[in-house]
Amino acid sequence: MSNFSLKGLGTPKSASYANESAYKELLSRMDKGERLTIEVYTDKDGYSSFGIQTGVVSKFKLRLNQDILLKIMQYLTNNETGDVKVEPNDVEPYGEGKDFTMDLFKLMIDNGFKPQTVPLFRAVYGKVKSIFHFPKGRMEFNLERTDELMDYLADKNLL
């Protein structure tokens, strides 16, 4: 019987995701004026990420940095992509012990955006789903249902 070994077959972490290709796909979709549906999450390697899909393209992952986030927000709100120079491979894992999804959710609310929250009786147990709607798409958040989140939503009159 043959002896199979998986040793040495792994992909180096630096080559594990083609973020530049994902970014070019995003630009192509924006150039065509497509509406974006964005799922906000932290990927398994700890990177702040968006799962992006349109009516034409199925979901793909894009790891974020500040410039990519700014460009996407400009597109969603104003249908502009601006002249922001973006280095799509210049991404870092989000701080350990931090929750990117919750941090971005609160940042958006603090900047005047109002989410539509799925009624809690319809939500998946232990989760709260909120959606921000924009002229060129929407951004979806699936958040852990915690006392802190529920208090935050109540304080902001979002429940």
C-alpha atoms as a PDB file:
ATOM      1  CA  MET A   1       0.000   0.000   0.000  1.00  0.00           C
ATOM      2  CA  SER A   2       1.250   3.499  -0.816  1.00  0.00           C
ATOM      3  CA  ASN A   3       2.297   5.875   1.909  1.00  0.00           C
ATOM      4  CA  PHE A   4       0.656   9.276   1.389  1.00  0.00           C
ATOM      5  CA  SER A   5       1.927  12.340   3.183  1.00  0.00           C
ATOM      6  CA  LEU A   6       0.351  15.781   3.150  1.00  0.00           C
ATOM      7  CA  LYS A   7       3.584  17.306   4.422  1.00  0.00           C
ATOM      8  CA  GLY A   8       4.662  20.218   2.253  1.00  0.00           C
ATOM      9  CA  LEU A   9       1.364  20.504   0.377  1.00  0.00           C
ATOM     10  CA  GLY A  10       0.021  23.486   2.325  1.00  0.00           C
ATOM     11  CA  THR A  11      -0.235  26.922   0.810  1.00  0.00           C
ATOM     12  CA  PRO A  12       1.909  29.608   2.431  1.00  0.00           C
ATOM     13  CA  LYS A  13      -0.219  32.132   4.293  1.00  0.00           C
ATOM     14  CA  SER A  14       1.048  35.025   2.190  1.00  0.00           C
ATOM     15  CA  ALA A  15      -0.256  33.317  -0.954  1.00  0.00           C
ATOM     16  CA  SER A  16      -3.459  32.032   0.594  1.00  0.00           C
ATOM     17  CA  TYR A  17      -5.810  34.608  -0.907  1.00  0.00           C
ATOM     18  CA  ALA A  18      -5.689  36.642  -4.127  1.00  0.00           C
ATOM     19  CA  ASN A  19      -6.997  39.903  -2.689  1.00  0.00           C
ATOM     20  CA  GLU A  20      -5.783  41.931  -5.668  1.00  0.00           C
ATOM     21  CA  SER A  21      -7.915  39.829  -8.032  1.00  0.00           C
ATOM     22  CA  ALA A  22     -10.911  40.214  -5.716  1.00  0.00           C
ATOM     23  CA  TYR A  23     -10.350  43.979  -5.648  1.00  0.00           C
ATOM     24  CA  LYS A  24     -10.207  44.127  -9.464  1.00  0.00           C
ATOM     25  CA  GLU A  25     -13.482  42.186  -9.587  1.00  0.00           C
ATOM     26  CA  LEU A  26     -15.032  44.736  -7.227  1.00  0.00           C
ATOM     27  CA  LEU A  27     -13.851  47.623  -9.429  1.00  0.00           C
ATOM     28  CA  SER A  28     -15.315  45.905 -12.481  1.00  0.00           C
ATOM     29  CA  ARG A  29     -18.691  45.583 -10.736  1.00  0.00           C
ATOM     30  CA  MET A  30     -18.600  49.222  -9.623  1.00  0.00           C
ATOM     31  CA  ASP A  31     -17.655  50.407 -13.136  1.00  0.00           C
ATOM     32  CA  LYS A  32     -20.795  48.655 -14.407  1.00  0.00           C
ATOM     33  CA  GLY A  33     -22.905  50.392 -11.764  1.00  0.00           C
ATOM     34  CA  GLU A  34     -24.076  47.156 -10.155  1.00  0.00           C
ATOM     35  CA  ARG A  35     -25.761  47.107  -6.755  1.00  0.00           C
ATOM     36  CA  LEU A  36     -23.565  45.436  -4.153  1.00  0.00           C
ATOM     37  CA  THR A  37     -24.756  43.132  -1.395  1.00  0.00           C
ATOM     38  CA  ILE A  38     -22.046  43.037   1.248  1.00  0.00           C
ATOM     39  CA  GLU A  39     -21.749  40.675   4.199  1.00  0.00           C
ATOM     40  CA  VAL A  40     -19.416  41.943   6.933  1.00  0.00           C
ATOM     41  CA  TYR A  41     -17.270  39.404   8.787  1.00  0.00           C
ATOM     42  CA  THR A  42     -13.813  38.436  10.017  1.00  0.00           C
ATOM     43  CA  ASP A  43     -12.345  35.553   8.013  1.00  0.00           C
ATOM     44  CA  LYS A  44     -10.809  32.446   9.571  1.00  0.00           C
ATOM     45  CA  ASP A  45      -7.338  34.016   9.449  1.00  0.00           C
ATOM     46  CA  GLY A  46      -8.473  37.099  11.404  1.00  0.00           C
ATOM     47  CA  TYR A  47      -8.757  39.563   8.492  1.00  0.00           C
ATOM     48  CA  SER A  48     -11.567  42.116   8.261  1.00  0.00           C
ATOM     49  CA  SER A  49     -13.507  40.995   5.206  1.00  0.00           C
ATOM     50  CA  PHE A  50     -16.503  41.666   3.023  1.00  0.00           C
ATOM     51  CA  GLY A  51     -18.398  38.951   1.192  1.00  0.00           C
ATOM     52  CA  ILE A  52     -19.507  40.800  -1.952  1.00  0.00           C
ATOM     53  CA  GLN A  53     -22.092  39.728  -4.500  1.00  0.00           C
ATOM     54  CA  THR A  54     -24.245  41.356  -7.160  1.00  0.00           C
ATOM     55  CA  GLY A  55     -27.146  40.213  -9.298  1.00  0.00           C
ATOM     56  CA  VAL A  56     -24.577  38.948 -11.815  1.00  0.00           C
ATOM     57  CA  VAL A  57     -21.697  37.641  -9.679  1.00  0.00           C
ATOM     58  CA  SER A  58     -21.869  35.180  -6.790  1.00  0.00           C
ATOM     59  CA  LYS A  59     -20.256  36.017  -3.466  1.00  0.00           C
ATOM     60  CA  PHE A  60     -16.505  36.518  -3.279  1.00  0.00           C
ATOM     61  CA  LYS A  61     -14.338  37.592  -0.369  1.00  0.00           C
ATOM     62  CA  LEU A  62     -12.420  40.858  -0.219  1.00  0.00           C
ATOM     63  CA  ARG A  63     -10.054  41.532   2.669  1.00  0.00           C
ATOM     64  CA  LEU A  64     -10.182  45.138   3.798  1.00  0.00           C
ATOM     65  CA  ASN A  65      -7.882  47.978   4.574  1.00  0.00           C
ATOM     66  CA  GLN A  66      -8.844  51.592   5.253  1.00  0.00           C
ATOM     67  CA  ASP A  67      -8.594  52.663   1.593  1.00  0.00           C
ATOM     68  CA  ILE A  68     -10.727  49.776   0.308  1.00  0.00           C
ATOM     69  CA  LEU A  69     -13.363  50.491   2.955  1.00  0.00           C
ATOM     70  CA  LEU A  70     -13.397  54.196   2.029  1.00  0.00           C
ATOM     71  CA  LYS A  71     -13.762  53.418  -1.686  1.00  0.00           C
ATOM     72  CA  ILE A  72     -16.642  50.996  -1.071  1.00  0.00           C
ATOM     73  CA  MET A  73     -18.455  53.464   1.196  1.00  0.00           C
ATOM     74  CA  GLN A  74     -18.066  56.241  -1.399  1.00  0.00           C
ATOM     75  CA  TYR A  75     -19.563  53.948  -4.032  1.00  0.00           C
ATOM     76  CA  LEU A  76     -22.459  52.767  -1.860  1.00  0.00           C
ATOM     77  CA  THR A  77     -23.444  56.265  -0.737  1.00  0.00           C
ATOM     78  CA  ASN A  78     -22.574  58.517  -3.703  1.00  0.00           C
ATOM     79  CA  ASN A  79     -22.007  56.175  -6.660  1.00  0.00           C
ATOM     80  CA  GLU A  80     -18.441  57.511  -6.797  1.00  0.00           C
ATOM     81  CA  THR A  81     -15.193  55.622  -6.510  1.00  0.00           C
ATOM     82  CA  GLY A  82     -12.986  58.652  -5.979  1.00  0.00           C
ATOM     83  CA  ASP A  83      -9.288  58.885  -6.666  1.00  0.00           C
ATOM     84  CA  VAL A  84      -8.198  56.934  -3.608  1.00  0.00           C
ATOM     85  CA  LYS A  85      -5.005  54.995  -4.347  1.00  0.00           C
ATOM     86  CA  VAL A  86      -5.517  51.474  -3.068  1.00  0.00           C
ATOM     87  CA  GLU A  87      -2.987  48.752  -2.343  1.00  0.00           C
ATOM     88  CA  PRO A  88      -5.293  45.715  -2.104  1.00  0.00           C
ATOM     89  CA  ASN A  89      -2.617  43.382  -0.742  1.00  0.00           C
ATOM     90  CA  ASP A  90      -1.686  45.792   2.062  1.00  0.00           C
ATOM     91  CA  VAL A  91      -3.998  44.164   4.613  1.00  0.00           C
ATOM     92  CA  GLU A  92      -3.400  43.195   8.225  1.00  0.00           C
ATOM     93  CA  PRO A  93      -5.356  40.901  10.519  1.00  0.00           C
ATOM     94  CA  TYR A  94      -7.757  42.782  12.781  1.00  0.00           C
ATOM     95  CA  GLY A  95      -6.579  43.138  16.370  1.00  0.00           C
ATOM     96  CA  GLU A  96      -6.805  39.953  18.388  1.00  0.00           C
ATOM     97  CA  GLY A  97      -9.678  40.018  20.834  1.00  0.00           C
ATOM     98  CA  LYS A  98     -11.436  42.760  18.848  1.00  0.00           C
ATOM     99  CA  ASP A  99     -14.687  42.323  16.924  1.00  0.00           C
ATOM    100  CA  PHE A 100     -14.462  43.995  13.503  1.00  0.00           C
ATOM    101  CA  THR A 101     -18.112  43.355  12.678  1.00  0.00           C
ATOM    102  CA  MET A 102     -19.337  45.030  15.866  1.00  0.00           C
ATOM    103  CA  ASP A 103     -16.824  47.882  15.595  1.00  0.00           C
ATOM    104  CA  LEU A 104     -17.886  48.708  12.012  1.00  0.00           C
ATOM    105  CA  PHE A 105     -21.564  48.373  12.931  1.00  0.00           C
ATOM    106  CA  LYS A 106     -21.209  50.919  15.748  1.00  0.00           C
ATOM    107  CA  LEU A 107     -19.065  53.220  13.598  1.00  0.00           C
ATOM    108  CA  MET A 108     -21.743  53.328  10.916  1.00  0.00           C
ATOM    109  CA  ILE A 109     -24.482  54.139  13.436  1.00  0.00           C
ATOM    110  CA  ASP A 110     -22.301  56.787  15.081  1.00  0.00           C
ATOM    111  CA  ASN A 111     -21.836  58.358  11.623  1.00  0.00           C
ATOM    112  CA  GLY A 112     -25.585  58.731  11.110  1.00  0.00           C
ATOM    113  CA  PHE A 113     -26.462  55.585   9.156  1.00  0.00           C
ATOM    114  CA  LYS A 114     -29.627  53.798  10.326  1.00  0.00           C
ATOM    115  CA  PRO A 115     -29.870  50.013  10.062  1.00  0.00           C
ATOM    116  CA  GLN A 116     -32.959  47.942   9.453  1.00  0.00           C
ATOM    117  CA  THR A 117     -32.945  45.171  12.075  1.00  0.00           C
ATOM    118  CA  VAL A 118     -34.671  41.839  11.525  1.00  0.00           C
ATOM    119  CA  PRO A 119     -37.326  41.360  14.229  1.00  0.00           C
ATOM    120  CA  LEU A 120     -35.750  39.409  17.044  1.00  0.00           C
ATOM    121  CA  PHE A 121     -38.411  36.684  16.972  1.00  0.00           C
ATOM    122  CA  ARG A 122     -37.426  35.932  13.345  1.00  0.00           C
ATOM    123  CA  ALA A 123     -33.674  36.015  13.880  1.00  0.00           C
ATOM    124  CA  VAL A 124     -31.504  32.942  14.218  1.00  0.00           C
ATOM    125  CA  TYR A 125     -31.107  32.074  17.886  1.00  0.00           C
ATOM    126  CA  GLY A 126     -28.208  33.972  19.414  1.00  0.00           C
ATOM    127  CA  LYS A 127     -27.846  36.345  16.431  1.00  0.00           C
ATOM    128  CA  VAL A 128     -29.081  39.788  15.457  1.00  0.00           C
ATOM    129  CA  LYS A 129     -29.207  40.631  11.756  1.00  0.00           C
ATOM    130  CA  SER A 130     -29.064  44.282  10.729  1.00  0.00           C
ATOM    131  CA  ILE A 131     -28.931  45.726   7.232  1.00  0.00           C
ATOM    132  CA  PHE A 132     -27.843  49.175   6.095  1.00  0.00           C
ATOM    133  CA  HIS A 133     -29.426  50.227   2.780  1.00  0.00           C
ATOM    134  CA  PHE A 134     -27.647  52.553   0.349  1.00  0.00           C
ATOM    135  CA  PRO A 135     -28.381  53.861  -3.153  1.00  0.00           C
ATOM    136  CA  LYS A 136     -25.882  51.377  -4.668  1.00  0.00           C
ATOM    137  CA  GLY A 137     -26.381  48.377  -2.423  1.00  0.00           C
ATOM    138  CA  ARG A 138     -26.650  47.124   1.099  1.00  0.00           C
ATOM    139  CA  MET A 139     -24.415  45.996   3.934  1.00  0.00           C
ATOM    140  CA  GLU A 140     -25.464  43.077   6.143  1.00  0.00           C
ATOM    141  CA  PHE A 141     -24.307  42.408   9.691  1.00  0.00           C
ATOM    142  CA  ASN A 142     -24.874  39.138  11.565  1.00  0.00           C
ATOM    143  CA  LEU A 143     -24.018  40.025  15.155  1.00  0.00           C
ATOM    144  CA  GLU A 144     -23.785  37.927  18.284  1.00  0.00           C
ATOM    145  CA  ARG A 145     -26.792  38.681  20.465  1.00  0.00           C
ATOM    146  CA  THR A 146     -25.264  39.972  23.690  1.00  0.00           C
ATOM    147  CA  ASP A 147     -26.581  42.146  26.500  1.00  0.00           C
ATOM    148  CA  GLU A 148     -24.110  44.832  25.401  1.00  0.00           C
ATOM    149  CA  LEU A 149     -25.499  44.832  21.836  1.00  0.00           C
ATOM    150  CA  MET A 150     -29.113  44.848  23.000  1.00  0.00           C
ATOM    151  CA  ASP A 151     -28.408  47.772  25.354  1.00  0.00           C
ATOM    152  CA  TYR A 152     -26.601  49.637  22.557  1.00  0.00           C
ATOM    153  CA  LEU A 153     -29.512  49.137  20.136  1.00  0.00           C
ATOM    154  CA  ALA A 154     -32.022  50.206  22.799  1.00  0.00           C
ATOM    155  CA  ASP A 155     -29.983  53.329  23.648  1.00  0.00           C
ATOM    156  CA  LYS A 156     -29.953  54.290  19.951  1.00  0.00           C
ATOM    157  CA  ASN A 157     -33.708  53.544  19.574  1.00  0.00           C
ATOM    158  CA  LEU A 158     -33.000  50.854  16.983  1.00  0.00           C
ATOM    159  CA  LEU A 159     -35.147  48.067  18.430  1.00  0.00           C
END
